[in-house]
Amino acid sequence: MDLFEYQAKELFAKHNVPSTPGRVTDSAEEAKAIAASDARARGATQIELQFADGERVVGLTTRFPPVRRFFYVVPADANSNNLRILVNRSAVQNLGQPAPAMG
């Protein structure tokens, strides 16, 4: 089964499965922002992933670059409905560190 997130949320709603609403940020900087006091960032590297379906995720990983077939990413957005994401390296189209915010 191959679903986009919004399709899965629609399916959950149809079958009364609790789910959190999706959220859109106002800017790329907001999506990539990690508070300096965020304990999740300790010892981790910020990465940006683009999957084959076009979805992008900015998050943290403890091993960069990931050398194994599967690796975990913690979303940069502390309010995300995901605690961590198990990433299959073969589903990733682009992987790198996000460009520093211009300011």
Protein backbone atom coordinates (compact mmCIF):
# COMPACT_ATOMS: atom_id res chain seq x y z
CA MET A 1 0.00 0.00 0.00
CA ASP A 2 1.39 3.40 -0.98
CA LEU A 3 -0.36 6.38 0.65
CA PHE A 4 0.37 10.04 1.16
CA GLU A 5 0.01 11.30 4.72
CA TYR A 6 -3.23 13.16 3.97
CA GLN A 7 -4.70 9.98 2.45
CA ALA A 8 -3.84 7.99 5.57
CA LYS A 9 -5.44 10.65 7.78
CA GLU A 10 -8.60 10.52 5.65
CA LEU A 11 -8.65 6.73 5.99
CA PHE A 12 -8.19 6.98 9.77
CA ALA A 13 -11.02 9.51 10.04
CA LYS A 14 -13.33 7.29 7.97
CA HIS A 15 -12.76 4.40 10.39
CA ASN A 16 -12.80 6.52 13.60
CA VAL A 17 -9.10 5.98 14.32
CA PRO A 18 -7.71 8.87 16.40
CA SER A 19 -5.19 11.00 14.53
CA THR A 20 -3.60 14.40 14.90
CA PRO A 21 -4.33 17.11 12.34
CA GLY A 22 -1.64 17.95 9.81
CA ARG A 23 0.10 21.29 10.08
CA VAL A 24 1.70 23.59 7.52
CA THR A 25 4.49 25.98 8.45
CA ASP A 26 4.73 29.53 7.16
CA SER A 27 8.34 29.31 6.04
CA ALA A 28 11.23 26.93 5.41
CA GLU A 29 13.11 28.55 8.28
CA GLU A 30 10.29 27.70 10.68
CA ALA A 31 10.27 24.09 9.49
CA LYS A 32 14.03 23.77 10.00
CA ALA A 33 14.23 25.62 13.33
CA ILE A 34 15.41 23.65 16.33
CA ALA A 35 15.54 25.45 19.65
CA ALA A 36 19.01 25.60 21.19
CA SER A 37 17.51 24.27 24.43
CA ASP A 38 15.96 21.24 22.69
CA ALA A 39 17.54 18.19 24.35
CA ARG A 40 16.84 16.09 21.25
CA ALA A 41 19.57 17.99 19.39
CA ARG A 42 22.32 16.98 21.81
CA GLY A 43 24.84 14.86 19.89
CA ALA A 44 22.71 14.80 16.73
CA THR A 45 23.14 16.18 13.23
CA GLN A 46 20.38 18.08 11.47
CA ILE A 47 19.52 16.57 8.09
CA GLU A 48 17.05 17.23 5.30
CA LEU A 49 15.52 14.34 3.37
CA GLN A 50 13.51 14.33 0.18
CA PHE A 51 11.65 11.14 -0.58
CA ALA A 52 10.84 9.77 -4.03
CA ASP A 53 7.23 11.00 -3.65
CA GLY A 54 8.46 14.58 -3.17
CA GLU A 55 7.84 14.80 0.59
CA ARG A 56 10.54 16.61 2.55
CA VAL A 57 11.51 16.06 6.18
CA VAL A 58 13.95 18.05 8.29
CA GLY A 59 15.10 16.24 11.38
CA LEU A 60 17.89 14.95 13.57
CA THR A 61 19.93 11.79 13.33
CA THR A 62 22.79 10.50 15.45
CA ARG A 63 24.73 9.08 12.51
CA PHE A 64 25.50 11.24 9.53
CA PRO A 65 25.88 10.23 6.83
CA PRO A 66 23.77 7.14 7.49
CA VAL A 67 25.57 4.07 6.18
CA ARG A 68 22.96 1.44 6.93
CA ARG A 69 19.92 0.59 4.84
CA PHE A 70 17.54 1.82 7.56
CA PHE A 71 18.05 4.68 10.01
CA TYR A 72 16.00 6.84 12.38
CA VAL A 73 15.23 10.54 12.09
CA VAL A 74 13.61 12.63 14.82
CA PRO A 75 11.52 15.40 13.22
CA ALA A 76 12.86 18.92 13.82
CA ASP A 77 9.34 20.10 14.62
CA ALA A 78 8.83 19.31 18.31
CA ASN A 79 5.05 19.48 17.73
CA SER A 80 5.12 16.82 15.01
CA ASN A 81 2.77 13.87 15.35
CA ASN A 82 5.82 11.62 14.81
CA LEU A 83 8.24 10.80 17.62
CA ARG A 84 10.74 9.36 15.18
CA ILE A 85 10.74 8.11 11.62
CA LEU A 86 12.27 4.87 10.42
CA VAL A 87 13.74 5.73 7.01
CA ASN A 88 14.46 3.19 4.29
CA ARG A 89 17.49 4.59 2.49
CA SER A 90 16.22 3.30 -0.88
CA ALA A 91 13.12 5.56 -0.60
CA VAL A 92 15.27 8.70 -0.21
CA GLN A 93 15.88 10.74 -3.34
CA ASN A 94 18.07 13.47 -1.74
CA LEU A 95 19.85 13.53 1.60
CA GLY A 96 21.95 16.29 3.07
CA GLN A 97 22.34 18.94 5.68
CA PRO A 98 20.02 21.95 5.32
CA ALA A 99 21.55 25.22 4.23
CA PRO A 100 22.08 27.64 7.12
CA ALA A 101 19.31 30.19 7.58
CA MET A 102 20.08 33.53 6.01
CA GLY A 103 19.63 36.34 8.44
